[in-house]
Amino acid sequence: MSTITIIIQNAPYKEDNKAWHALRFAGAALTEDMTVRVHLLDEGVKVGIRGQQVPEGKVNLEELLSELIECGLEARACGMSVDDYGLTENDLITGIEKSSMKALASWVKSSDHVIAF
């Protein structure tokens, strides 16, 4: 089984939809029986916040990420980024672990593929 690490650096609901595309790809990879890991970095930690204000016409990324976690996706948020945005672990969606760059490096080392959005 292949393992993929997806790094999301973009905030949710931006016009480029990178966070949305990253989660769509994560879902597709799960359906292909891949081990999927998502690391939220920089503004990407906002993808993992509870109680997101979803703009009209956009997909609720909080709900999507929660569903993917229920389907086996592993998710972590960069601790420094969490702290930089004044968040705590309680602000994060259930199943997202506050983590470190060392942990991300370990994921990258053990992954077959790494993609950044």
PDB file of N, CA and C in Angstrom:
ATOM      1  N   MET A   1       0.843  -1.183   0.000  1.00  0.00           N
ATOM      2  CA  MET A   1       0.000   0.000   0.000  1.00  0.00           C
ATOM      3  C   MET A   1       0.885   1.243   0.000  1.00  0.00           C
ATOM      4  N   SER A   2       0.565   2.169  -0.857  1.00  0.00           N
ATOM      5  CA  SER A   2       1.311   3.428  -0.946  1.00  0.00           C
ATOM      6  C   SER A   2       0.876   4.391   0.143  1.00  0.00           C
ATOM      7  N   THR A   3       1.827   5.205   0.567  1.00  0.00           N
ATOM      8  CA  THR A   3       1.560   6.243   1.562  1.00  0.00           C
ATOM      9  C   THR A   3       1.832   7.599   0.943  1.00  0.00           C
ATOM     10  N   ILE A   4       0.895   8.519   1.146  1.00  0.00           N
ATOM     11  CA  ILE A   4       1.050   9.874   0.623  1.00  0.00           C
ATOM     12  C   ILE A   4       0.896  10.880   1.757  1.00  0.00           C
ATOM     13  N   THR A   5       1.766  11.875   1.761  1.00  0.00           N
ATOM     14  CA  THR A   5       1.659  12.987   2.693  1.00  0.00           C
ATOM     15  C   THR A   5       1.291  14.222   1.888  1.00  0.00           C
ATOM     16  N   ILE A   6       0.222  14.879   2.315  1.00  0.00           N
ATOM     17  CA  ILE A   6      -0.261  16.095   1.660  1.00  0.00           C
ATOM     18  C   ILE A   6      -0.064  17.244   2.640  1.00  0.00           C
ATOM     19  N   ILE A   7       0.644  18.262   2.203  1.00  0.00           N
ATOM     20  CA  ILE A   7       0.891  19.442   3.025  1.00  0.00           C
ATOM     21  C   ILE A   7      -0.005  20.561   2.501  1.00  0.00           C
ATOM     22  N   ILE A   8      -0.865  21.069   3.377  1.00  0.00           N
ATOM     23  CA  ILE A   8      -1.761  22.170   3.000  1.00  0.00           C
ATOM     24  C   ILE A   8      -1.259  23.435   3.674  1.00  0.00           C
ATOM     25  N   GLN A   9      -0.863  24.420   2.860  1.00  0.00           N
ATOM     26  CA  GLN A   9      -0.351  25.684   3.370  1.00  0.00           C
ATOM     27  C   GLN A   9      -1.321  26.842   3.152  1.00  0.00           C
ATOM     28  N   ASN A  10      -2.378  26.622   2.395  1.00  0.00           N
ATOM     29  CA  ASN A  10      -3.309  27.690   2.057  1.00  0.00           C
ATOM     30  C   ASN A  10      -4.527  27.691   2.954  1.00  0.00           C
ATOM     31  N   ALA A  11      -4.997  28.884   3.258  1.00  0.00           N
ATOM     32  CA  ALA A  11      -6.211  29.046   4.065  1.00  0.00           C
ATOM     33  C   ALA A  11      -7.415  28.525   3.292  1.00  0.00           C
ATOM     34  N   PRO A  12      -8.435  28.098   4.013  1.00  0.00           N
ATOM     35  CA  PRO A  12      -9.644  27.631   3.328  1.00  0.00           C
ATOM     36  C   PRO A  12     -10.387  28.789   2.653  1.00  0.00           C
ATOM     37  N   TYR A  13     -11.107  28.440   1.603  1.00  0.00           N
ATOM     38  CA  TYR A  13     -12.040  29.348   0.931  1.00  0.00           C
ATOM     39  C   TYR A  13     -11.378  30.490   0.172  1.00  0.00           C
ATOM     40  N   LYS A  14     -10.087  30.360  -0.145  1.00  0.00           N
ATOM     41  CA  LYS A  14      -9.440  31.354  -0.997  1.00  0.00           C
ATOM     42  C   LYS A  14      -9.877  31.098  -2.435  1.00  0.00           C
ATOM     43  N   GLU A  15      -9.741  32.096  -3.282  1.00  0.00           N
ATOM     44  CA  GLU A  15     -10.187  31.970  -4.668  1.00  0.00           C
ATOM     45  C   GLU A  15      -9.487  30.845  -5.423  1.00  0.00           C
ATOM     46  N   ASP A  16      -8.236  30.538  -5.075  1.00  0.00           N
ATOM     47  CA  ASP A  16      -7.518  29.482  -5.797  1.00  0.00           C
ATOM     48  C   ASP A  16      -7.975  28.076  -5.393  1.00  0.00           C
ATOM     49  N   ASN A  17      -8.763  27.967  -4.318  1.00  0.00           N
ATOM     50  CA  ASN A  17      -9.330  26.690  -3.871  1.00  0.00           C
ATOM     51  C   ASN A  17      -8.297  25.599  -3.589  1.00  0.00           C
ATOM     52  N   LYS A  18      -7.055  25.967  -3.292  1.00  0.00           N
ATOM     53  CA  LYS A  18      -6.027  24.948  -3.083  1.00  0.00           C
ATOM     54  C   LYS A  18      -6.349  24.014  -1.920  1.00  0.00           C
ATOM     55  N   ALA A  19      -6.878  24.557  -0.827  1.00  0.00           N
ATOM     56  CA  ALA A  19      -7.220  23.701   0.320  1.00  0.00           C
ATOM     57  C   ALA A  19      -8.316  22.710  -0.079  1.00  0.00           C
ATOM     58  N   TRP A  20      -9.299  23.168  -0.816  1.00  0.00           N
ATOM     59  CA  TRP A  20     -10.385  22.314  -1.303  1.00  0.00           C
ATOM     60  C   TRP A  20      -9.841  21.225  -2.208  1.00  0.00           C
ATOM     61  N   HIS A  21      -8.968  21.601  -3.149  1.00  0.00           N
ATOM     62  CA  HIS A  21      -8.397  20.608  -4.058  1.00  0.00           C
ATOM     63  C   HIS A  21      -7.538  19.597  -3.301  1.00  0.00           C
ATOM     64  N   ALA A  22      -6.824  20.054  -2.301  1.00  0.00           N
ATOM     65  CA  ALA A  22      -5.999  19.137  -1.500  1.00  0.00           C
ATOM     66  C   ALA A  22      -6.868  18.095  -0.803  1.00  0.00           C
ATOM     67  N   LEU A  23      -7.987  18.529  -0.224  1.00  0.00           N
ATOM     68  CA  LEU A  23      -8.877  17.585   0.467  1.00  0.00           C
ATOM     69  C   LEU A  23      -9.591  16.676  -0.527  1.00  0.00           C
ATOM     70  N   ARG A  24      -9.941  17.199  -1.691  1.00  0.00           N
ATOM     71  CA  ARG A  24     -10.538  16.353  -2.735  1.00  0.00           C
ATOM     72  C   ARG A  24      -9.557  15.246  -3.125  1.00  0.00           C
ATOM     73  N   PHE A  25      -8.287  15.636  -3.316  1.00  0.00           N
ATOM     74  CA  PHE A  25      -7.264  14.655  -3.675  1.00  0.00           C
ATOM     75  C   PHE A  25      -7.067  13.643  -2.551  1.00  0.00           C
ATOM     76  N   ALA A  26      -7.080  14.111  -1.310  1.00  0.00           N
ATOM     77  CA  ALA A  26      -6.941  13.193  -0.177  1.00  0.00           C
ATOM     78  C   ALA A  26      -8.056  12.152  -0.195  1.00  0.00           C
ATOM     79  N   GLY A  27      -9.284  12.594  -0.453  1.00  0.00           N
ATOM     80  CA  GLY A  27     -10.409  11.673  -0.532  1.00  0.00           C
ATOM     81  C   GLY A  27     -10.241  10.670  -1.661  1.00  0.00           C
ATOM     82  N   ALA A  28      -9.776  11.150  -2.804  1.00  0.00           N
ATOM     83  CA  ALA A  28      -9.551  10.258  -3.944  1.00  0.00           C
ATOM     84  C   ALA A  28      -8.478   9.224  -3.622  1.00  0.00           C
ATOM     85  N   ALA A  29      -7.416   9.661  -2.946  1.00  0.00           N
ATOM     86  CA  ALA A  29      -6.336   8.742  -2.581  1.00  0.00           C
ATOM     87  C   ALA A  29      -6.831   7.683  -1.594  1.00  0.00           C
ATOM     88  N   LEU A  30      -7.698   8.082  -0.668  1.00  0.00           N
ATOM     89  CA  LEU A  30      -8.274   7.102   0.263  1.00  0.00           C
ATOM     90  C   LEU A  30      -9.084   6.047  -0.483  1.00  0.00           C
ATOM     91  N   THR A  31      -9.808   6.460  -1.526  1.00  0.00           N
ATOM     92  CA  THR A  31     -10.601   5.492  -2.291  1.00  0.00           C
ATOM     93  C   THR A  31      -9.722   4.551  -3.105  1.00  0.00           C
ATOM     94  N   GLU A  32      -8.467   4.943  -3.305  1.00  0.00           N
ATOM     95  CA  GLU A  32      -7.506   4.084  -4.006  1.00  0.00           C
ATOM     96  C   GLU A  32      -6.693   3.242  -3.018  1.00  0.00           C
ATOM     97  N   ASP A  33      -7.193   3.142  -1.789  1.00  0.00           N
ATOM     98  CA  ASP A  33      -6.559   2.338  -0.742  1.00  0.00           C
ATOM     99  C   ASP A  33      -5.144   2.785  -0.394  1.00  0.00           C
ATOM    100  N   MET A  34      -4.911   4.084  -0.477  1.00  0.00           N
ATOM    101  CA  MET A  34      -3.628   4.630  -0.055  1.00  0.00           C
ATOM    102  C   MET A  34      -3.722   5.050   1.409  1.00  0.00           C
ATOM    103  N   THR A  35      -2.607   5.024   2.093  1.00  0.00           N
ATOM    104  CA  THR A  35      -2.522   5.619   3.422  1.00  0.00           C
ATOM    105  C   THR A  35      -2.319   7.109   3.191  1.00  0.00           C
ATOM    106  N   VAL A  36      -3.213   7.929   3.742  1.00  0.00           N
ATOM    107  CA  VAL A  36      -3.190   9.365   3.473  1.00  0.00           C
ATOM    108  C   VAL A  36      -2.981  10.134   4.766  1.00  0.00           C
ATOM    109  N   ARG A  37      -2.017  11.044   4.710  1.00  0.00           N
ATOM    110  CA  ARG A  37      -1.694  11.897   5.846  1.00  0.00           C
ATOM    111  C   ARG A  37      -1.763  13.347   5.384  1.00  0.00           C
ATOM    112  N   VAL A  38      -2.375  14.199   6.179  1.00  0.00           N
ATOM    113  CA  VAL A  38      -2.449  15.627   5.865  1.00  0.00           C
ATOM    114  C   VAL A  38      -1.787  16.405   6.992  1.00  0.00           C
ATOM    115  N   HIS A  39      -0.852  17.262   6.611  1.00  0.00           N
ATOM    116  CA  HIS A  39      -0.183  18.145   7.573  1.00  0.00           C
ATOM    117  C   HIS A  39      -0.581  19.571   7.230  1.00  0.00           C
ATOM    118  N   LEU A  40      -1.196  20.258   8.183  1.00  0.00           N
ATOM    119  CA  LEU A  40      -1.637  21.639   8.005  1.00  0.00           C
ATOM    120  C   LEU A  40      -0.521  22.571   8.470  1.00  0.00           C
ATOM    121  N   LEU A  41      -0.111  23.467   7.594  1.00  0.00           N
ATOM    122  CA  LEU A  41       1.040  24.328   7.848  1.00  0.00           C
ATOM    123  C   LEU A  41       0.694  25.766   7.469  1.00  0.00           C
ATOM    124  N   ASP A  42       1.272  26.731   8.136  1.00  0.00           N
ATOM    125  CA  ASP A  42       1.017  28.149   7.873  1.00  0.00           C
ATOM    126  C   ASP A  42      -0.489  28.410   7.936  1.00  0.00           C
ATOM    127  N   GLU A  43      -1.050  29.132   6.947  1.00  0.00           N
ATOM    128  CA  GLU A  43      -2.486  29.431   6.950  1.00  0.00           C
ATOM    129  C   GLU A  43      -3.332  28.172   6.803  1.00  0.00           C
ATOM    130  N   GLY A  44      -2.701  27.092   6.386  1.00  0.00           N
ATOM    131  CA  GLY A  44      -3.416  25.831   6.245  1.00  0.00           C
ATOM    132  C   GLY A  44      -4.003  25.321   7.551  1.00  0.00           C
ATOM    133  N   VAL A  45      -3.474  25.762   8.701  1.00  0.00           N
ATOM    134  CA  VAL A  45      -4.049  25.314   9.974  1.00  0.00           C
ATOM    135  C   VAL A  45      -5.500  25.755  10.106  1.00  0.00           C
ATOM    136  N   LYS A  46      -5.878  26.817   9.393  1.00  0.00           N
ATOM    137  CA  LYS A  46      -7.260  27.297   9.452  1.00  0.00           C
ATOM    138  C   LYS A  46      -8.238  26.306   8.825  1.00  0.00           C
ATOM    139  N   VAL A  47      -7.733  25.393   7.989  1.00  0.00           N
ATOM    140  CA  VAL A  47      -8.568  24.337   7.417  1.00  0.00           C
ATOM    141  C   VAL A  47      -9.057  23.414   8.532  1.00  0.00           C
ATOM    142  N   GLY A  48      -8.290  23.309   9.601  1.00  0.00           N
ATOM    143  CA  GLY A  48      -8.604  22.404  10.692  1.00  0.00           C
ATOM    144  C   GLY A  48      -9.363  23.006  11.855  1.00  0.00           C
ATOM    145  N   ILE A  49      -9.861  24.231  11.705  1.00  0.00           N
ATOM    146  CA  ILE A  49     -10.567  24.905  12.799  1.00  0.00           C
ATOM    147  C   ILE A  49     -12.030  24.471  12.849  1.00  0.00           C
ATOM    148  N   ARG A  50     -12.516  24.297  14.067  1.00  0.00           N
ATOM    149  CA  ARG A  50     -13.944  24.020  14.284  1.00  0.00           C
ATOM    150  C   ARG A  50     -14.755  25.300  14.050  1.00  0.00           C
ATOM    151  N   GLY A  51     -16.004  25.135  13.616  1.00  0.00           N
ATOM    152  CA  GLY A  51     -16.919  26.260  13.498  1.00  0.00           C
ATOM    153  C   GLY A  51     -16.568  27.238  12.393  1.00  0.00           C
ATOM    154  N   GLN A  52     -16.077  26.732  11.268  1.00  0.00           N
ATOM    155  CA  GLN A  52     -15.702  27.597  10.154  1.00  0.00           C
ATOM    156  C   GLN A  52     -16.915  28.347   9.594  1.00  0.00           C
ATOM    157  N   GLN A  53     -16.672  29.573   9.182  1.00  0.00           N
ATOM    158  CA  GLN A  53     -17.688  30.366   8.488  1.00  0.00           C
ATOM    159  C   GLN A  53     -17.523  30.091   7.001  1.00  0.00           C
ATOM    160  N   VAL A  54     -18.453  29.332   6.443  1.00  0.00           N
ATOM    161  CA  VAL A  54     -18.341  28.896   5.059  1.00  0.00           C
ATOM    162  C   VAL A  54     -19.002  29.926   4.134  1.00  0.00           C
ATOM    163  N   PRO A  55     -18.227  30.471   3.200  1.00  0.00           N
ATOM    164  CA  PRO A  55     -18.817  31.424   2.258  1.00  0.00           C
ATOM    165  C   PRO A  55     -19.906  30.753   1.410  1.00  0.00           C
ATOM    166  N   GLU A  56     -20.874  31.541   1.007  1.00  0.00           N
ATOM    167  CA  GLU A  56     -21.966  31.035   0.184  1.00  0.00           C
ATOM    168  C   GLU A  56     -21.409  30.379  -1.085  1.00  0.00           C
ATOM    169  N   GLY A  57     -21.925  29.205  -1.387  1.00  0.00           N
ATOM    170  CA  GLY A  57     -21.515  28.500  -2.595  1.00  0.00           C
ATOM    171  C   GLY A  57     -20.260  27.656  -2.446  1.00  0.00           C
ATOM    172  N   LYS A  58     -19.660  27.647  -1.270  1.00  0.00           N
ATOM    173  CA  LYS A  58     -18.433  26.858  -1.051  1.00  0.00           C
ATOM    174  C   LYS A  58     -18.755  25.598  -0.262  1.00  0.00           C
ATOM    175  N   VAL A  59     -17.918  24.581  -0.425  1.00  0.00           N
ATOM    176  CA  VAL A  59     -18.048  23.340   0.317  1.00  0.00           C
ATOM    177  C   VAL A  59     -17.512  23.554   1.730  1.00  0.00           C
ATOM    178  N   ASN A  60     -18.186  22.989   2.730  1.00  0.00           N
ATOM    179  CA  ASN A  60     -17.752  23.100   4.114  1.00  0.00           C
ATOM    180  C   ASN A  60     -16.534  22.192   4.321  1.00  0.00           C
ATOM    181  N   LEU A  61     -15.361  22.806   4.399  1.00  0.00           N
ATOM    182  CA  LEU A  61     -14.126  22.029   4.521  1.00  0.00           C
ATOM    183  C   LEU A  61     -13.984  21.382   5.889  1.00  0.00           C
ATOM    184  N   GLU A  62     -14.578  21.972   6.906  1.00  0.00           N
ATOM    185  CA  GLU A  62     -14.571  21.355   8.236  1.00  0.00           C
ATOM    186  C   GLU A  62     -15.285  20.009   8.179  1.00  0.00           C
ATOM    187  N   GLU A  63     -16.453  19.974   7.573  1.00  0.00           N
ATOM    188  CA  GLU A  63     -17.203  18.726   7.452  1.00  0.00           C
ATOM    189  C   GLU A  63     -16.457  17.721   6.591  1.00  0.00           C
ATOM    190  N   LEU A  64     -15.894  18.190   5.469  1.00  0.00           N
ATOM    191  CA  LEU A  64     -15.161  17.288   4.577  1.00  0.00           C
ATOM    192  C   LEU A  64     -13.956  16.686   5.285  1.00  0.00           C
ATOM    193  N   LEU A  65     -13.168  17.507   5.957  1.00  0.00           N
ATOM    194  CA  LEU A  65     -11.986  17.005   6.662  1.00  0.00           C
ATOM    195  C   LEU A  65     -12.388  16.034   7.766  1.00  0.00           C
ATOM    196  N   SER A  66     -13.446  16.333   8.488  1.00  0.00           N
ATOM    197  CA  SER A  66     -13.933  15.426   9.539  1.00  0.00           C
ATOM    198  C   SER A  66     -14.318  14.072   8.953  1.00  0.00           C
ATOM    199  N   GLU A  67     -15.004  14.081   7.816  1.00  0.00           N
ATOM    200  CA  GLU A  67     -15.392  12.830   7.152  1.00  0.00           C
ATOM    201  C   GLU A  67     -14.170  12.038   6.713  1.00  0.00           C
ATOM    202  N   LEU A  68     -13.169  12.736   6.174  1.00  0.00           N
ATOM    203  CA  LEU A  68     -11.952  12.050   5.734  1.00  0.00           C
ATOM    204  C   LEU A  68     -11.217  11.426   6.918  1.00  0.00           C
ATOM    205  N   ILE A  69     -11.195  12.125   8.047  1.00  0.00           N
ATOM    206  CA  ILE A  69     -10.567  11.578   9.253  1.00  0.00           C
ATOM    207  C   ILE A  69     -11.305  10.313   9.687  1.00  0.00           C
ATOM    208  N   GLU A  70     -12.636  10.339   9.628  1.00  0.00           N
ATOM    209  CA  GLU A  70     -13.429   9.151   9.972  1.00  0.00           C
ATOM    210  C   GLU A  70     -13.124   7.983   9.031  1.00  0.00           C
ATOM    211  N   CYS A  71     -12.708   8.304   7.799  1.00  0.00           N
ATOM    212  CA  CYS A  71     -12.401   7.267   6.801  1.00  0.00           C
ATOM    213  C   CYS A  71     -10.948   6.810   6.864  1.00  0.00           C
ATOM    214  N   GLY A  72     -10.181   7.308   7.844  1.00  0.00           N
ATOM    215  CA  GLY A  72      -8.825   6.812   8.033  1.00  0.00           C
ATOM    216  C   GLY A  72      -7.713   7.798   7.753  1.00  0.00           C
ATOM    217  N   LEU A  73      -8.030   9.008   7.304  1.00  0.00           N
ATOM    218  CA  LEU A  73      -7.001  10.000   7.061  1.00  0.00           C
ATOM    219  C   LEU A  73      -6.364  10.408   8.387  1.00  0.00           C
ATOM    220  N   GLU A  74      -5.051  10.522   8.407  1.00  0.00           N
ATOM    221  CA  GLU A  74      -4.333  11.028   9.579  1.00  0.00           C
ATOM    222  C   GLU A  74      -4.100  12.514   9.358  1.00  0.00           C
ATOM    223  N   ALA A  75      -4.342  13.328  10.378  1.00  0.00           N
ATOM    224  CA  ALA A  75      -4.181  14.775  10.225  1.00  0.00           C
ATOM    225  C   ALA A  75      -3.415  15.361  11.396  1.00  0.00           C
ATOM    226  N   ARG A  76      -2.505  16.251  11.048  1.00  0.00           N
ATOM    227  CA  ARG A  76      -1.727  16.980  12.040  1.00  0.00           C
ATOM    228  C   ARG A  76      -1.685  18.449  11.656  1.00  0.00           C
ATOM    229  N   ALA A  77      -1.503  19.295  12.653  1.00  0.00           N
ATOM    230  CA  ALA A  77      -1.343  20.731  12.438  1.00  0.00           C
ATOM    231  C   ALA A  77      -0.025  21.172  13.055  1.00  0.00           C
ATOM    232  N   CYS A  78       0.715  21.981  12.330  1.00  0.00           N
ATOM    233  CA  CYS A  78       1.988  22.507  12.808  1.00  0.00           C
ATOM    234  C   CYS A  78       1.759  23.300  14.091  1.00  0.00           C
ATOM    235  N   GLY A  79       2.429  22.899  15.152  1.00  0.00           N
ATOM    236  CA  GLY A  79       2.265  23.559  16.439  1.00  0.00           C
ATOM    237  C   GLY A  79       2.614  25.035  16.407  1.00  0.00           C
ATOM    238  N   MET A  80       3.665  25.406  15.693  1.00  0.00           N
ATOM    239  CA  MET A  80       4.061  26.805  15.609  1.00  0.00           C
ATOM    240  C   MET A  80       2.978  27.615  14.887  1.00  0.00           C
ATOM    241  N   SER A  81       2.421  27.054  13.811  1.00  0.00           N
ATOM    242  CA  SER A  81       1.357  27.753  13.080  1.00  0.00           C
ATOM    243  C   SER A  81       0.104  27.873  13.935  1.00  0.00           C
ATOM    244  N   VAL A  82      -0.226  26.822  14.670  1.00  0.00           N
ATOM    245  CA  VAL A  82      -1.378  26.868  15.577  1.00  0.00           C
ATOM    246  C   VAL A  82      -1.183  28.007  16.574  1.00  0.00           C
ATOM    247  N   ASP A  83      -0.002  28.071  17.165  1.00  0.00           N
ATOM    248  CA  ASP A  83       0.297  29.122  18.133  1.00  0.00           C
ATOM    249  C   ASP A  83       0.294  30.511  17.485  1.00  0.00           C
ATOM    250  N   ASP A  84       0.857  30.634  16.273  1.00  0.00           N
ATOM    251  CA  ASP A  84       0.920  31.921  15.581  1.00  0.00           C
ATOM    252  C   ASP A  84      -0.461  32.521  15.339  1.00  0.00           C
ATOM    253  N   TYR A  85      -1.465  31.661  15.132  1.00  0.00           N
ATOM    254  CA  TYR A  85      -2.825  32.139  14.886  1.00  0.00           C
ATOM    255  C   TYR A  85      -3.667  32.185  16.160  1.00  0.00           C
ATOM    256  N   GLY A  86      -3.006  32.010  17.312  1.00  0.00           N
ATOM    257  CA  GLY A  86      -3.704  32.124  18.593  1.00  0.00           C
ATOM    258  C   GLY A  86      -4.700  31.008  18.836  1.00  0.00           C
ATOM    259  N   LEU A  87      -4.445  29.851  18.235  1.00  0.00           N
ATOM    260  CA  LEU A  87      -5.347  28.711  18.384  1.00  0.00           C
ATOM    261  C   LEU A  87      -4.832  27.771  19.465  1.00  0.00           C
ATOM    262  N   THR A  88      -5.715  26.903  19.931  1.00  0.00           N
ATOM    263  CA  THR A  88      -5.332  25.837  20.848  1.00  0.00           C
ATOM    264  C   THR A  88      -5.786  24.523  20.234  1.00  0.00           C
ATOM    265  N   GLU A  89      -5.380  23.432  20.830  1.00  0.00           N
ATOM    266  CA  GLU A  89      -5.821  22.126  20.327  1.00  0.00           C
ATOM    267  C   GLU A  89      -7.337  21.996  20.390  1.00  0.00           C
ATOM    268  N   ASN A  90      -7.965  22.675  21.349  1.00  0.00           N
ATOM    269  CA  ASN A  90      -9.432  22.631  21.461  1.00  0.00           C
ATOM    270  C   ASN A  90     -10.127  23.328  20.298  1.00  0.00           C
ATOM    271  N   ASP A  91      -9.414  24.211  19.593  1.00  0.00           N
ATOM    272  CA  ASP A  91      -9.979  24.899  18.430  1.00  0.00           C
ATOM    273  C   ASP A  91      -9.964  24.007  17.189  1.00  0.00           C
ATOM    274  N   LEU A  92      -9.187  22.924  17.241  1.00  0.00           N
ATOM    275  CA  LEU A  92      -9.022  22.056  16.075  1.00  0.00           C
ATOM    276  C   LEU A  92     -10.095  20.969  16.016  1.00  0.00           C
ATOM    277  N   ILE A  93     -10.412  20.572  14.814  1.00  0.00           N
ATOM    278  CA  ILE A  93     -11.352  19.480  14.568  1.00  0.00           C
ATOM    279  C   ILE A  93     -10.867  18.233  15.294  1.00  0.00           C
ATOM    280  N   THR A  94     -11.794  17.488  15.868  1.00  0.00           N
ATOM    281  CA  THR A  94     -11.454  16.233  16.539  1.00  0.00           C
ATOM    282  C   THR A  94     -10.691  15.331  15.572  1.00  0.00           C
ATOM    283  N   GLY A  95      -9.563  14.818  16.039  1.00  0.00           N
ATOM    284  CA  GLY A  95      -8.749  13.928  15.216  1.00  0.00           C
ATOM    285  C   GLY A  95      -7.505  14.581  14.653  1.00  0.00           C
ATOM    286  N   ILE A  96      -7.409  15.906  14.783  1.00  0.00           N
ATOM    287  CA  ILE A  96      -6.199  16.601  14.332  1.00  0.00           C
ATOM    288  C   ILE A  96      -5.272  16.774  15.522  1.00  0.00           C
ATOM    289  N   GLU A  97      -4.064  16.317  15.350  1.00  0.00           N
ATOM    290  CA  GLU A  97      -3.054  16.379  16.405  1.00  0.00           C
ATOM    291  C   GLU A  97      -2.151  17.587  16.189  1.00  0.00           C
ATOM    292  N   LYS A  98      -1.890  18.346  17.240  1.00  0.00           N
ATOM    293  CA  LYS A  98      -0.903  19.428  17.178  1.00  0.00           C
ATOM    294  C   LYS A  98       0.463  18.761  17.089  1.00  0.00           C
ATOM    295  N   SER A  99       1.274  19.181  16.131  1.00  0.00           N
ATOM    296  CA  SER A  99       2.473  18.431  15.819  1.00  0.00           C
ATOM    297  C   SER A  99       3.669  19.355  15.582  1.00  0.00           C
ATOM    298  N   SER A 100       4.698  18.797  14.975  1.00  0.00           N
ATOM    299  CA  SER A 100       5.953  19.524  14.784  1.00  0.00           C
ATOM    300  C   SER A 100       6.533  19.263  13.399  1.00  0.00           C
ATOM    301  N   MET A 101       7.542  20.042  13.052  1.00  0.00           N
ATOM    302  CA  MET A 101       8.245  19.825  11.785  1.00  0.00           C
ATOM    303  C   MET A 101       9.018  18.512  11.817  1.00  0.00           C
ATOM    304  N   LYS A 102       9.506  18.129  12.987  1.00  0.00           N
ATOM    305  CA  LYS A 102      10.207  16.842  13.106  1.00  0.00           C
ATOM    306  C   LYS A 102       9.249  15.699  12.769  1.00  0.00           C
ATOM    307  N   ALA A 103       8.005  15.795  13.249  1.00  0.00           N
ATOM    308  CA  ALA A 103       7.012  14.768  12.936  1.00  0.00           C
ATOM    309  C   ALA A 103       6.683  14.774  11.444  1.00  0.00           C
ATOM    310  N   LEU A 104       6.597  15.977  10.847  1.00  0.00           N
ATOM    311  CA  LEU A 104       6.364  16.065   9.410  1.00  0.00           C
ATOM    312  C   LEU A 104       7.521  15.423   8.648  1.00  0.00           C
ATOM    313  N   ALA A 105       8.746  15.677   9.083  1.00  0.00           N
ATOM    314  CA  ALA A 105       9.912  15.075   8.432  1.00  0.00           C
ATOM    315  C   ALA A 105       9.840  13.556   8.494  1.00  0.00           C
ATOM    316  N   SER A 106       9.378  13.027   9.605  1.00  0.00           N
ATOM    317  CA  SER A 106       9.230  11.577   9.746  1.00  0.00           C
ATOM    318  C   SER A 106       8.182  11.048   8.758  1.00  0.00           C
ATOM    319  N   TRP A 107       7.058  11.769   8.640  1.00  0.00           N
ATOM    320  CA  TRP A 107       6.027  11.369   7.667  1.00  0.00           C
ATOM    321  C   TRP A 107       6.593  11.386   6.255  1.00  0.00           C
ATOM    322  N   VAL A 108       7.312  12.455   5.907  1.00  0.00           N
ATOM    323  CA  VAL A 108       7.874  12.582   4.563  1.00  0.00           C
ATOM    324  C   VAL A 108       8.841  11.425   4.286  1.00  0.00           C
ATOM    325  N   LYS A 109       9.663  11.115   5.265  1.00  0.00           N
ATOM    326  CA  LYS A 109      10.650  10.035   5.105  1.00  0.00           C
ATOM    327  C   LYS A 109       9.973   8.695   4.832  1.00  0.00           C
ATOM    328  N   SER A 110       8.826   8.469   5.466  1.00  0.00           N
ATOM    329  CA  SER A 110       8.153   7.172   5.311  1.00  0.00           C
ATOM    330  C   SER A 110       7.085   7.164   4.211  1.00  0.00           C
ATOM    331  N   SER A 111       6.968   8.248   3.479  1.00  0.00           N
ATOM    332  CA  SER A 111       5.952   8.344   2.425  1.00  0.00           C
ATOM    333  C   SER A 111       6.508   7.955   1.068  1.00  0.00           C
ATOM    334  N   ASP A 112       5.627   7.426   0.236  1.00  0.00           N
ATOM    335  CA  ASP A 112       5.993   7.149  -1.157  1.00  0.00           C
ATOM    336  C   ASP A 112       5.857   8.404  -2.011  1.00  0.00           C
ATOM    337  N   HIS A 113       4.925   9.293  -1.609  1.00  0.00           N
ATOM    338  CA  HIS A 113       4.654  10.513  -2.358  1.00  0.00           C
ATOM    339  C   HIS A 113       4.384  11.647  -1.390  1.00  0.00           C
ATOM    340  N   VAL A 114       4.808  12.867  -1.756  1.00  0.00           N
ATOM    341  CA  VAL A 114       4.549  14.065  -0.964  1.00  0.00           C
ATOM    342  C   VAL A 114       4.072  15.145  -1.929  1.00  0.00           C
ATOM    343  N   ILE A 115       2.951  15.761  -1.580  1.00  0.00           N
ATOM    344  CA  ILE A 115       2.378  16.825  -2.410  1.00  0.00           C
ATOM    345  C   ILE A 115       2.076  18.004  -1.493  1.00  0.00           C
ATOM    346  N   ALA A 116       2.391  19.203  -1.976  1.00  0.00           N
ATOM    347  CA  ALA A 116       2.079  20.414  -1.212  1.00  0.00           C
ATOM    348  C   ALA A 116       1.080  21.270  -1.978  1.00  0.00           C
ATOM    349  N   PHE A 117       0.095  21.775  -1.257  1.00  0.00           N
ATOM    350  CA  PHE A 117      -0.913  22.669  -1.827  1.00  0.00           C
ATOM    351  C   PHE A 117      -0.848  23.992  -1.094  1.00  0.00           C
TER     352      PHE A 117
END
